[in-house]
PDB file of N, CA and C in Angstrom:
ATOM      1  N   UNK A   1      50.605  21.974 113.432  1.00  0.00           N
ATOM      2  CA  UNK A   1      51.359  22.218 114.650  1.00  0.00           C
ATOM      3  C   UNK A   1      52.519  21.235 114.718  1.00  0.00           C
ATOM      4  N   UNK A   2      53.616  21.700 115.238  1.00  0.00           N
ATOM      5  CA  UNK A   2      54.806  20.870 115.421  1.00  0.00           C
ATOM      6  C   UNK A   2      54.502  19.730 116.380  1.00  0.00           C
ATOM      7  N   UNK A   3      55.123  18.573 116.124  1.00  0.00           N
ATOM      8  CA  UNK A   3      55.021  17.435 117.043  1.00  0.00           C
ATOM      9  C   UNK A   3      56.422  16.941 117.343  1.00  0.00           C
ATOM     10  N   UNK A   4      56.653  16.602 118.588  1.00  0.00           N
ATOM     11  CA  UNK A   4      57.953  16.099 119.019  1.00  0.00           C
ATOM     12  C   UNK A   4      57.935  14.582 119.027  1.00  0.00           C
ATOM     13  N   UNK A   5      59.063  13.963 118.661  1.00  0.00           N
ATOM     14  CA  UNK A   5      59.143  12.501 118.633  1.00  0.00           C
ATOM     15  C   UNK A   5      59.308  11.918 120.037  1.00  0.00           C
ATOM     16  N   UNK A   6      59.812  12.737 120.970  1.00  0.00           N
ATOM     17  CA  UNK A   6      59.968  12.311 122.356  1.00  0.00           C
ATOM     18  C   UNK A   6      60.089  13.551 123.236  1.00  0.00           C
ATOM     19  N   UNK A   7      60.112  13.350 124.536  1.00  0.00           N
ATOM     20  CA  UNK A   7      60.181  14.478 125.452  1.00  0.00           C
ATOM     21  C   UNK A   7      61.528  15.182 125.362  1.00  0.00           C
ATOM     22  N   UNK A   8      62.577  14.440 125.080  1.00  0.00           N
ATOM     23  CA  UNK A   8      63.904  15.039 124.985  1.00  0.00           C
ATOM     24  C   UNK A   8      63.953  16.106 123.896  1.00  0.00           C
ATOM     25  N   UNK A   9      63.302  15.853 122.782  1.00  0.00           N
ATOM     26  CA  UNK A   9      63.271  16.842 121.710  1.00  0.00           C
ATOM     27  C   UNK A   9      62.559  18.126 122.163  1.00  0.00           C
ATOM     28  N   UNK A  10      61.473  17.979 122.896  1.00  0.00           N
ATOM     29  CA  UNK A  10      60.770  19.150 123.434  1.00  0.00           C
ATOM     30  C   UNK A  10      61.653  19.884 124.434  1.00  0.00           C
ATOM     31  N   UNK A  11      62.338  19.138 125.286  1.00  0.00           N
ATOM     32  CA  UNK A  11      63.228  19.736 126.279  1.00  0.00           C
ATOM     33  C   UNK A  11      64.315  20.547 125.588  1.00  0.00           C
ATOM     34  N   UNK A  12      64.912  19.976 124.554  1.00  0.00           N
ATOM     35  CA  UNK A  12      65.975  20.683 123.835  1.00  0.00           C
ATOM     36  C   UNK A  12      65.478  22.023 123.298  1.00  0.00           C
ATOM     37  N   UNK A  13      64.281  22.027 122.738  1.00  0.00           N
ATOM     38  CA  UNK A  13      63.749  23.272 122.189  1.00  0.00           C
ATOM     39  C   UNK A  13      63.428  24.279 123.288  1.00  0.00           C
ATOM     40  N   UNK A  14      62.869  23.805 124.394  1.00  0.00           N
ATOM     41  CA  UNK A  14      62.559  24.710 125.506  1.00  0.00           C
ATOM     42  C   UNK A  14      63.846  25.309 126.072  1.00  0.00           C
ATOM     43  N   UNK A  15      64.898  24.512 126.149  1.00  0.00           N
ATOM     44  CA  UNK A  15      66.173  25.053 126.616  1.00  0.00           C
ATOM     45  C   UNK A  15      66.719  26.092 125.636  1.00  0.00           C
ATOM     46  N   UNK A  16      66.543  25.857 124.343  1.00  0.00           N
ATOM     47  CA  UNK A  16      66.995  26.822 123.339  1.00  0.00           C
ATOM     48  C   UNK A  16      66.258  28.156 123.452  1.00  0.00           C
ATOM     49  N   UNK A  17      64.978  28.118 123.759  1.00  0.00           N
ATOM     50  CA  UNK A  17      64.222  29.370 123.817  1.00  0.00           C
ATOM     51  C   UNK A  17      64.598  30.225 125.019  1.00  0.00           C
ATOM     52  N   UNK A  18      65.427  29.695 125.905  1.00  0.00           N
ATOM     53  CA  UNK A  18      65.859  30.515 127.031  1.00  0.00           C
ATOM     54  C   UNK A  18      66.702  31.694 126.553  1.00  0.00           C
ATOM     55  N   UNK A  19      67.180  31.621 125.306  1.00  0.00           N
ATOM     56  CA  UNK A  19      67.924  32.735 124.710  1.00  0.00           C
ATOM     57  C   UNK A  19      67.041  33.587 123.794  1.00  0.00           C
ATOM     58  N   UNK A  20      65.759  33.307 123.737  1.00  0.00           N
ATOM     59  CA  UNK A  20      64.851  34.035 122.845  1.00  0.00           C
ATOM     60  C   UNK A  20      64.762  35.507 123.255  1.00  0.00           C
ATOM     61  N   UNK A  21      64.516  36.345 122.259  1.00  0.00           N
ATOM     62  CA  UNK A  21      64.374  37.773 122.548  1.00  0.00           C
ATOM     63  C   UNK A  21      62.975  38.286 122.211  1.00  0.00           C
ATOM     64  N   UNK A  22      62.100  37.408 121.729  1.00  0.00           N
ATOM     65  CA  UNK A  22      60.704  37.821 121.522  1.00  0.00           C
ATOM     66  C   UNK A  22      59.782  36.676 121.918  1.00  0.00           C
ATOM     67  N   UNK A  23      58.614  37.030 122.348  1.00  0.00           N
ATOM     68  CA  UNK A  23      57.687  36.040 122.893  1.00  0.00           C
ATOM     69  C   UNK A  23      57.026  35.177 121.822  1.00  0.00           C
ATOM     70  N   UNK A  24      57.016  35.602 120.579  1.00  0.00           N
ATOM     71  CA  UNK A  24      56.317  34.846 119.532  1.00  0.00           C
ATOM     72  C   UNK A  24      56.856  33.423 119.390  1.00  0.00           C
ATOM     73  N   UNK A  25      58.171  33.256 119.446  1.00  0.00           N
ATOM     74  CA  UNK A  25      58.758  31.917 119.312  1.00  0.00           C
ATOM     75  C   UNK A  25      58.293  30.996 120.437  1.00  0.00           C
ATOM     76  N   UNK A  26      58.227  31.529 121.631  1.00  0.00           N
ATOM     77  CA  UNK A  26      57.808  30.732 122.788  1.00  0.00           C
ATOM     78  C   UNK A  26      56.328  30.369 122.669  1.00  0.00           C
ATOM     79  N   UNK A  27      55.532  31.351 122.344  1.00  0.00           N
ATOM     80  CA  UNK A  27      54.094  31.117 122.225  1.00  0.00           C
ATOM     81  C   UNK A  27      53.794  30.130 121.107  1.00  0.00           C
ATOM     82  N   UNK A  28      54.563  30.176 120.042  1.00  0.00           N
ATOM     83  CA  UNK A  28      54.345  29.285 118.904  1.00  0.00           C
ATOM     84  C   UNK A  28      54.590  27.815 119.269  1.00  0.00           C
ATOM     85  N   UNK A  29      55.593  27.527 120.118  1.00  0.00           N
ATOM     86  CA  UNK A  29      55.867  26.122 120.456  1.00  0.00           C
ATOM     87  C   UNK A  29      55.114  25.639 121.691  1.00  0.00           C
ATOM     88  N   UNK A  30      54.504  26.545 122.434  1.00  0.00           N
ATOM     89  CA  UNK A  30      53.847  26.175 123.692  1.00  0.00           C
ATOM     90  C   UNK A  30      52.861  25.015 123.524  1.00  0.00           C
ATOM     91  N   UNK A  31      51.942  25.054 122.539  1.00  0.00           N
ATOM     92  CA  UNK A  31      50.988  23.940 122.408  1.00  0.00           C
ATOM     93  C   UNK A  31      51.674  22.595 122.120  1.00  0.00           C
ATOM     94  N   UNK A  32      52.714  22.613 121.304  1.00  0.00           N
ATOM     95  CA  UNK A  32      53.416  21.365 120.983  1.00  0.00           C
ATOM     96  C   UNK A  32      54.129  20.800 122.202  1.00  0.00           C
ATOM     97  N   UNK A  33      54.691  21.675 123.021  1.00  0.00           N
ATOM     98  CA  UNK A  33      55.357  21.220 124.246  1.00  0.00           C
ATOM     99  C   UNK A  33      54.330  20.615 125.197  1.00  0.00           C
ATOM    100  N   UNK A  34      53.172  21.253 125.329  1.00  0.00           N
ATOM    101  CA  UNK A  34      52.127  20.701 126.197  1.00  0.00           C
ATOM    102  C   UNK A  34      51.682  19.322 125.706  1.00  0.00           C
ATOM    103  N   UNK A  35      51.551  19.165 124.394  1.00  0.00           N
ATOM    104  CA  UNK A  35      51.169  17.858 123.849  1.00  0.00           C
ATOM    105  C   UNK A  35      52.250  16.816 124.127  1.00  0.00           C
ATOM    106  N   UNK A  36      53.524  17.213 124.054  1.00  0.00           N
ATOM    107  CA  UNK A  36      54.619  16.285 124.355  1.00  0.00           C
ATOM    108  C   UNK A  36      54.581  15.865 125.821  1.00  0.00           C
ATOM    109  N   UNK A  37      54.308  16.799 126.702  1.00  0.00           N
ATOM    110  CA  UNK A  37      54.196  16.465 128.124  1.00  0.00           C
ATOM    111  C   UNK A  37      53.057  15.467 128.321  1.00  0.00           C
ATOM    112  N   UNK A  38      51.905  15.750 127.723  1.00  0.00           N
ATOM    113  CA  UNK A  38      50.752  14.849 127.854  1.00  0.00           C
ATOM    114  C   UNK A  38      51.074  13.452 127.342  1.00  0.00           C
ATOM    115  N   UNK A  39      51.826  13.363 126.252  1.00  0.00           N
ATOM    116  CA  UNK A  39      52.123  12.066 125.640  1.00  0.00           C
ATOM    117  C   UNK A  39      53.265  11.319 126.330  1.00  0.00           C
ATOM    118  N   UNK A  40      54.343  12.028 126.668  1.00  0.00           N
ATOM    119  CA  UNK A  40      55.560  11.369 127.140  1.00  0.00           C
ATOM    120  C   UNK A  40      55.812  11.490 128.640  1.00  0.00           C
ATOM    121  N   UNK A  41      55.139  12.396 129.323  1.00  0.00           N
ATOM    122  CA  UNK A  41      55.324  12.590 130.765  1.00  0.00           C
ATOM    123  C   UNK A  41      53.984  12.971 131.395  1.00  0.00           C
ATOM    124  N   UNK A  42      52.984  12.069 131.290  1.00  0.00           N
ATOM    125  CA  UNK A  42      51.636  12.391 131.773  1.00  0.00           C
ATOM    126  C   UNK A  42      51.643  12.810 133.237  1.00  0.00           C
ATOM    127  N   UNK A  43      50.788  13.770 133.538  1.00  0.00           N
ATOM    128  CA  UNK A  43      50.703  14.330 134.881  1.00  0.00           C
ATOM    129  C   UNK A  43      49.349  13.974 135.505  1.00  0.00           C
ATOM    130  N   UNK A  44      49.261  14.010 136.843  1.00  0.00           N
ATOM    131  CA  UNK A  44      48.029  13.605 137.519  1.00  0.00           C
ATOM    132  C   UNK A  44      46.934  14.667 137.597  1.00  0.00           C
ATOM    133  N   UNK A  45      47.068  15.771 136.902  1.00  0.00           N
ATOM    134  CA  UNK A  45      46.012  16.780 136.942  1.00  0.00           C
ATOM    135  C   UNK A  45      46.486  18.120 136.432  1.00  0.00           C
ATOM    136  N   UNK A  46      45.563  19.048 136.345  1.00  0.00           N
ATOM    137  CA  UNK A  46      45.844  20.373 135.794  1.00  0.00           C
ATOM    138  C   UNK A  46      46.952  21.087 136.548  1.00  0.00           C
ATOM    139  N   UNK A  47      46.908  21.048 137.868  1.00  0.00           N
ATOM    140  CA  UNK A  47      47.945  21.734 138.648  1.00  0.00           C
ATOM    141  C   UNK A  47      49.331  21.185 138.343  1.00  0.00           C
ATOM    142  N   UNK A  48      49.413  19.867 138.158  1.00  0.00           N
ATOM    143  CA  UNK A  48      50.709  19.260 137.851  1.00  0.00           C
ATOM    144  C   UNK A  48      51.201  19.677 136.468  1.00  0.00           C
ATOM    145  N   UNK A  49      50.285  19.758 135.500  1.00  0.00           N
ATOM    146  CA  UNK A  49      50.690  20.249 134.176  1.00  0.00           C
ATOM    147  C   UNK A  49      51.164  21.693 134.273  1.00  0.00           C
ATOM    148  N   UNK A  50      50.436  22.500 135.007  1.00  0.00           N
ATOM    149  CA  UNK A  50      50.802  23.910 135.157  1.00  0.00           C
ATOM    150  C   UNK A  50      52.172  24.081 135.792  1.00  0.00           C
ATOM    151  N   UNK A  51      52.555  23.147 136.663  1.00  0.00           N
ATOM    152  CA  UNK A  51      53.819  23.241 137.387  1.00  0.00           C
ATOM    153  C   UNK A  51      54.926  22.397 136.768  1.00  0.00           C
ATOM    154  N   UNK A  52      54.674  21.789 135.608  1.00  0.00           N
ATOM    155  CA  UNK A  52      55.702  20.971 134.969  1.00  0.00           C
ATOM    156  C   UNK A  52      56.911  21.845 134.640  1.00  0.00           C
ATOM    157  N   UNK A  53      58.123  21.329 134.834  1.00  0.00           N
ATOM    158  CA  UNK A  53      59.326  22.140 134.590  1.00  0.00           C
ATOM    159  C   UNK A  53      59.384  22.792 133.204  1.00  0.00           C
ATOM    160  N   UNK A  54      58.920  22.121 132.176  1.00  0.00           N
ATOM    161  CA  UNK A  54      58.955  22.736 130.849  1.00  0.00           C
ATOM    162  C   UNK A  54      57.995  23.920 130.755  1.00  0.00           C
ATOM    163  N   UNK A  55      56.841  23.793 131.393  1.00  0.00           N
ATOM    164  CA  UNK A  55      55.890  24.900 131.417  1.00  0.00           C
ATOM    165  C   UNK A  55      56.486  26.065 132.196  1.00  0.00           C
ATOM    166  N   UNK A  56      57.109  25.752 133.327  1.00  0.00           N
ATOM    167  CA  UNK A  56      57.730  26.785 134.151  1.00  0.00           C
ATOM    168  C   UNK A  56      58.811  27.519 133.361  1.00  0.00           C
ATOM    169  N   UNK A  57      59.626  26.766 132.632  1.00  0.00           N
ATOM    170  CA  UNK A  57      60.685  27.407 131.842  1.00  0.00           C
ATOM    171  C   UNK A  57      60.105  28.359 130.800  1.00  0.00           C
ATOM    172  N   UNK A  58      59.055  27.921 130.120  1.00  0.00           N
ATOM    173  CA  UNK A  58      58.460  28.787 129.091  1.00  0.00           C
ATOM    174  C   UNK A  58      57.779  30.007 129.724  1.00  0.00           C
ATOM    175  N   UNK A  59      57.040  29.787 130.806  1.00  0.00           N
ATOM    176  CA  UNK A  59      56.374  30.907 131.467  1.00  0.00           C
ATOM    177  C   UNK A  59      57.383  31.878 132.064  1.00  0.00           C
ATOM    178  N   UNK A  60      58.450  31.332 132.626  1.00  0.00           N
ATOM    179  CA  UNK A  60      59.488  32.184 133.198  1.00  0.00           C
ATOM    180  C   UNK A  60      60.108  33.064 132.118  1.00  0.00           C
ATOM    181  N   UNK A  61      60.394  32.480 130.958  1.00  0.00           N
ATOM    182  CA  UNK A  61      60.991  33.263 129.874  1.00  0.00           C
ATOM    183  C   UNK A  61      60.019  34.327 129.377  1.00  0.00           C
ATOM    184  N   UNK A  62      58.751  33.956 129.227  1.00  0.00           N
ATOM    185  CA  UNK A  62      57.750  34.949 128.831  1.00  0.00           C
ATOM    186  C   UNK A  62      57.688  36.084 129.855  1.00  0.00           C
ATOM    187  N   UNK A  63      57.715  35.716 131.124  1.00  0.00           N
ATOM    188  CA  UNK A  63      57.658  36.736 132.171  1.00  0.00           C
ATOM    189  C   UNK A  63      58.904  37.614 132.146  1.00  0.00           C
ATOM    190  N   UNK A  64      60.077  37.015 131.901  1.00  0.00           N
ATOM    191  CA  UNK A  64      61.306  37.812 131.792  1.00  0.00           C
ATOM    192  C   UNK A  64      61.181  38.823 130.663  1.00  0.00           C
ATOM    193  N   UNK A  65      60.682  38.370 129.527  1.00  0.00           N
ATOM    194  CA  UNK A  65      60.524  39.259 128.383  1.00  0.00           C
ATOM    195  C   UNK A  65      59.528  40.377 128.680  1.00  0.00           C
ATOM    196  N   UNK A  66      58.588  40.083 129.559  1.00  0.00           N
ATOM    197  CA  UNK A  66      57.594  41.088 129.943  1.00  0.00           C
ATOM    198  C   UNK A  66      58.059  41.917 131.129  1.00  0.00           C
ATOM    199  N   UNK A  67      59.242  41.594 131.663  1.00  0.00           N
ATOM    200  CA  UNK A  67      59.798  42.375 132.759  1.00  0.00           C
ATOM    201  C   UNK A  67      59.530  41.836 134.145  1.00  0.00           C
ATOM    202  N   UNK A  68      59.116  40.573 134.263  1.00  0.00           N
ATOM    203  CA  UNK A  68      58.833  39.987 135.577  1.00  0.00           C
ATOM    204  C   UNK A  68      59.478  38.635 135.729  1.00  0.00           C
ATOM    205  N   UNK A  69      58.957  37.830 136.649  1.00  0.00           N
ATOM    206  CA  UNK A  69      59.454  36.474 136.870  1.00  0.00           C
ATOM    207  C   UNK A  69      58.325  35.598 137.383  1.00  0.00           C
ATOM    208  N   UNK A  70      58.531  34.269 137.313  1.00  0.00           N
ATOM    209  CA  UNK A  70      57.523  33.296 137.721  1.00  0.00           C
ATOM    210  C   UNK A  70      58.109  32.411 138.806  1.00  0.00           C
ATOM    211  N   UNK A  71      57.323  32.068 139.805  1.00  0.00           N
ATOM    212  CA  UNK A  71      57.708  31.065 140.797  1.00  0.00           C
ATOM    213  C   UNK A  71      56.662  29.967 140.744  1.00  0.00           C
ATOM    214  N   UNK A  72      56.978  28.789 141.115  1.00  0.00           N
ATOM    215  CA  UNK A  72      56.021  27.695 141.125  1.00  0.00           C
ATOM    216  C   UNK A  72      56.084  27.025 142.494  1.00  0.00           C
ATOM    217  N   UNK A  73      55.125  26.172 142.774  1.00  0.00           N
ATOM    218  CA  UNK A  73      55.171  25.376 143.991  1.00  0.00           C
ATOM    219  C   UNK A  73      54.776  23.959 143.642  1.00  0.00           C
ATOM    220  N   UNK A  74      55.198  23.023 144.436  1.00  0.00           N
ATOM    221  CA  UNK A  74      54.898  21.621 144.208  1.00  0.00           C
ATOM    222  C   UNK A  74      55.870  20.763 144.977  1.00  0.00           C
ATOM    223  N   UNK A  75      55.902  19.506 144.641  1.00  0.00           N
ATOM    224  CA  UNK A  75      56.763  18.572 145.348  1.00  0.00           C
ATOM    225  C   UNK A  75      57.524  17.757 144.322  1.00  0.00           C
ATOM    226  N   UNK A  76      58.835  17.778 144.390  1.00  0.00           N
ATOM    227  CA  UNK A  76      59.650  16.998 143.460  1.00  0.00           C
ATOM    228  C   UNK A  76      59.491  15.521 143.786  1.00  0.00           C
ATOM    229  N   UNK A  77      59.324  14.702 142.765  1.00  0.00           N
ATOM    230  CA  UNK A  77      59.203  13.259 142.982  1.00  0.00           C
ATOM    231  C   UNK A  77      60.580  12.622 142.939  1.00  0.00           C
ATOM    232  N   UNK A  78      60.681  11.399 143.414  1.00  0.00           N
ATOM    233  CA  UNK A  78      61.956  10.711 143.455  1.00  0.00           C
ATOM    234  C   UNK A  78      62.496  10.324 142.087  1.00  0.00           C
ATOM    235  N   UNK A  79      61.659  10.333 141.038  1.00  0.00           N
ATOM    236  CA  UNK A  79      62.125   9.884 139.725  1.00  0.00           C
ATOM    237  C   UNK A  79      62.691  11.027 138.887  1.00  0.00           C
ATOM    238  N   UNK A  80      62.894  12.190 139.491  1.00  0.00           N
ATOM    239  CA  UNK A  80      63.461  13.313 138.766  1.00  0.00           C
ATOM    240  C   UNK A  80      62.431  14.121 138.020  1.00  0.00           C
ATOM    241  N   UNK A  81      61.185  13.645 138.010  1.00  0.00           N
ATOM    242  CA  UNK A  81      60.115  14.401 137.377  1.00  0.00           C
ATOM    243  C   UNK A  81      59.545  15.396 138.350  1.00  0.00           C
ATOM    244  N   UNK A  82      58.406  15.922 138.048  1.00  0.00           N
ATOM    245  CA  UNK A  82      57.789  16.893 138.932  1.00  0.00           C
ATOM    246  C   UNK A  82      56.320  16.578 139.055  1.00  0.00           C
ATOM    247  N   UNK A  83      55.829  16.490 140.238  1.00  0.00           N
ATOM    248  CA  UNK A  83      54.425  16.198 140.476  1.00  0.00           C
ATOM    249  C   UNK A  83      53.886  17.192 141.499  1.00  0.00           C
ATOM    250  N   UNK A  84      52.706  17.693 141.284  1.00  0.00           N
ATOM    251  CA  UNK A  84      52.090  18.597 142.248  1.00  0.00           C
ATOM    252  C   UNK A  84      51.541  17.790 143.415  1.00  0.00           C
ATOM    253  N   UNK A  85      51.299  18.437 144.501  1.00  0.00           N
ATOM    254  CA  UNK A  85      50.695  17.782 145.655  1.00  0.00           C
ATOM    255  C   UNK A  85      51.644  17.737 146.828  1.00  0.00           C
ATOM    256  N   UNK A  86      51.230  17.061 147.860  1.00  0.00           N
ATOM    257  CA  UNK A  86      52.070  16.972 149.045  1.00  0.00           C
ATOM    258  C   UNK A  86      52.179  18.327 149.719  1.00  0.00           C
ATOM    259  N   UNK A  87      53.299  18.566 150.351  1.00  0.00           N
ATOM    260  CA  UNK A  87      53.544  19.846 150.999  1.00  0.00           C
ATOM    261  C   UNK A  87      54.188  20.784 149.992  1.00  0.00           C
ATOM    262  N   UNK A  88      53.474  21.809 149.552  1.00  0.00           N
ATOM    263  CA  UNK A  88      54.050  22.703 148.545  1.00  0.00           C
ATOM    264  C   UNK A  88      55.330  23.353 149.038  1.00  0.00           C
ATOM    265  N   UNK A  89      56.297  23.432 148.173  1.00  0.00           N
ATOM    266  CA  UNK A  89      57.552  24.119 148.462  1.00  0.00           C
ATOM    267  C   UNK A  89      57.832  25.067 147.321  1.00  0.00           C
ATOM    268  N   UNK A  90      58.395  26.200 147.604  1.00  0.00           N
ATOM    269  CA  UNK A  90      58.765  27.116 146.543  1.00  0.00           C
ATOM    270  C   UNK A  90      60.002  26.559 145.856  1.00  0.00           C
ATOM    271  N   UNK A  91      59.872  26.338 144.598  1.00  0.00           N
ATOM    272  CA  UNK A  91      61.005  25.884 143.808  1.00  0.00           C
ATOM    273  C   UNK A  91      61.355  27.089 142.958  1.00  0.00           C
ATOM    274  N   UNK A  92      61.930  26.974 141.847  1.00  0.00           N
ATOM    275  CA  UNK A  92      62.193  28.138 141.042  1.00  0.00           C
ATOM    276  C   UNK A  92      62.720  27.770 139.685  1.00  0.00           C
ATOM    277  N   UNK A  93      63.124  28.771 138.992  1.00  0.00           N
ATOM    278  CA  UNK A  93      63.633  28.588 137.645  1.00  0.00           C
ATOM    279  C   UNK A  93      64.815  27.621 137.633  1.00  0.00           C
ATOM    280  N   UNK A  94      65.737  27.764 138.580  1.00  0.00           N
ATOM    281  CA  UNK A  94      66.935  26.925 138.593  1.00  0.00           C
ATOM    282  C   UNK A  94      66.572  25.445 138.673  1.00  0.00           C
ATOM    283  N   UNK A  95      65.584  25.102 139.485  1.00  0.00           N
ATOM    284  CA  UNK A  95      65.162  23.698 139.593  1.00  0.00           C
ATOM    285  C   UNK A  95      64.610  23.203 138.261  1.00  0.00           C
ATOM    286  N   UNK A  96      63.773  24.007 137.623  1.00  0.00           N
ATOM    287  CA  UNK A  96      63.198  23.615 136.338  1.00  0.00           C
ATOM    288  C   UNK A  96      64.286  23.461 135.278  1.00  0.00           C
ATOM    289  N   UNK A  97      65.221  24.377 135.259  1.00  0.00           N
ATOM    290  CA  UNK A  97      66.308  24.313 134.272  1.00  0.00           C
ATOM    291  C   UNK A  97      67.177  23.088 134.516  1.00  0.00           C
ATOM    292  N   UNK A  98      67.514  22.826 135.777  1.00  0.00           N
ATOM    293  CA  UNK A  98      68.322  21.643 136.102  1.00  0.00           C
ATOM    294  C   UNK A  98      67.589  20.358 135.747  1.00  0.00           C
ATOM    295  N   UNK A  99      66.271  20.308 136.022  1.00  0.00           N
ATOM    296  CA  UNK A  99      65.485  19.129 135.671  1.00  0.00           C
ATOM    297  C   UNK A  99      65.571  18.869 134.177  1.00  0.00           C
ATOM    298  N   UNK A 100      65.339  19.909 133.363  1.00  0.00           N
ATOM    299  CA  UNK A 100      65.363  19.753 131.914  1.00  0.00           C
ATOM    300  C   UNK A 100      66.751  19.344 131.416  1.00  0.00           C
ATOM    301  N   UNK A 101      67.786  19.950 131.966  1.00  0.00           N
ATOM    302  CA  UNK A 101      69.156  19.617 131.567  1.00  0.00           C
ATOM    303  C   UNK A 101      69.508  18.187 131.929  1.00  0.00           C
ATOM    304  N   UNK A 102      69.109  17.758 133.140  1.00  0.00           N
ATOM    305  CA  UNK A 102      69.378  16.375 133.569  1.00  0.00           C
ATOM    306  C   UNK A 102      68.639  15.377 132.693  1.00  0.00           C
ATOM    307  N   UNK A 103      67.371  15.660 132.374  1.00  0.00           N
ATOM    308  CA  UNK A 103      66.571  14.754 131.531  1.00  0.00           C
ATOM    309  C   UNK A 103      67.237  14.626 130.166  1.00  0.00           C
ATOM    310  N   UNK A 104      67.659  15.743 129.615  1.00  0.00           N
ATOM    311  CA  UNK A 104      68.283  15.750 128.294  1.00  0.00           C
ATOM    312  C   UNK A 104      69.583  14.937 128.308  1.00  0.00           C
ATOM    313  N   UNK A 105      70.342  15.039 129.387  1.00  0.00           N
ATOM    314  CA  UNK A 105      71.634  14.361 129.479  1.00  0.00           C
ATOM    315  C   UNK A 105      71.498  12.860 129.707  1.00  0.00           C
ATOM    316  N   UNK A 106      70.364  12.426 130.238  1.00  0.00           N
ATOM    317  CA  UNK A 106      70.180  11.000 130.581  1.00  0.00           C
ATOM    318  C   UNK A 106      70.029  10.127 129.341  1.00  0.00           C
TER     319      UNK A 106
END
């Protein structure tokens, strides 16, 4: 399985798959992205992993390819990351994409 040297490398690949036209490419990198999140951006629980912006981006793209869309809920933290809990708010694809783009640019 592919391994990323840092979270930025995983982010770059997830952003690239936003142009994918088949689900196999997304499904193939999904486990490696999850491992990168666990290693470089640990979350406080399953719900937080499920709502991580990179997961949202991949699920959203899979849903687009299947003819639908994904929404997530959670609370944005002050450090630009994403943490579940607090008062849930509907966020969306744009927030996840902006988070990934900002992280990559930093």
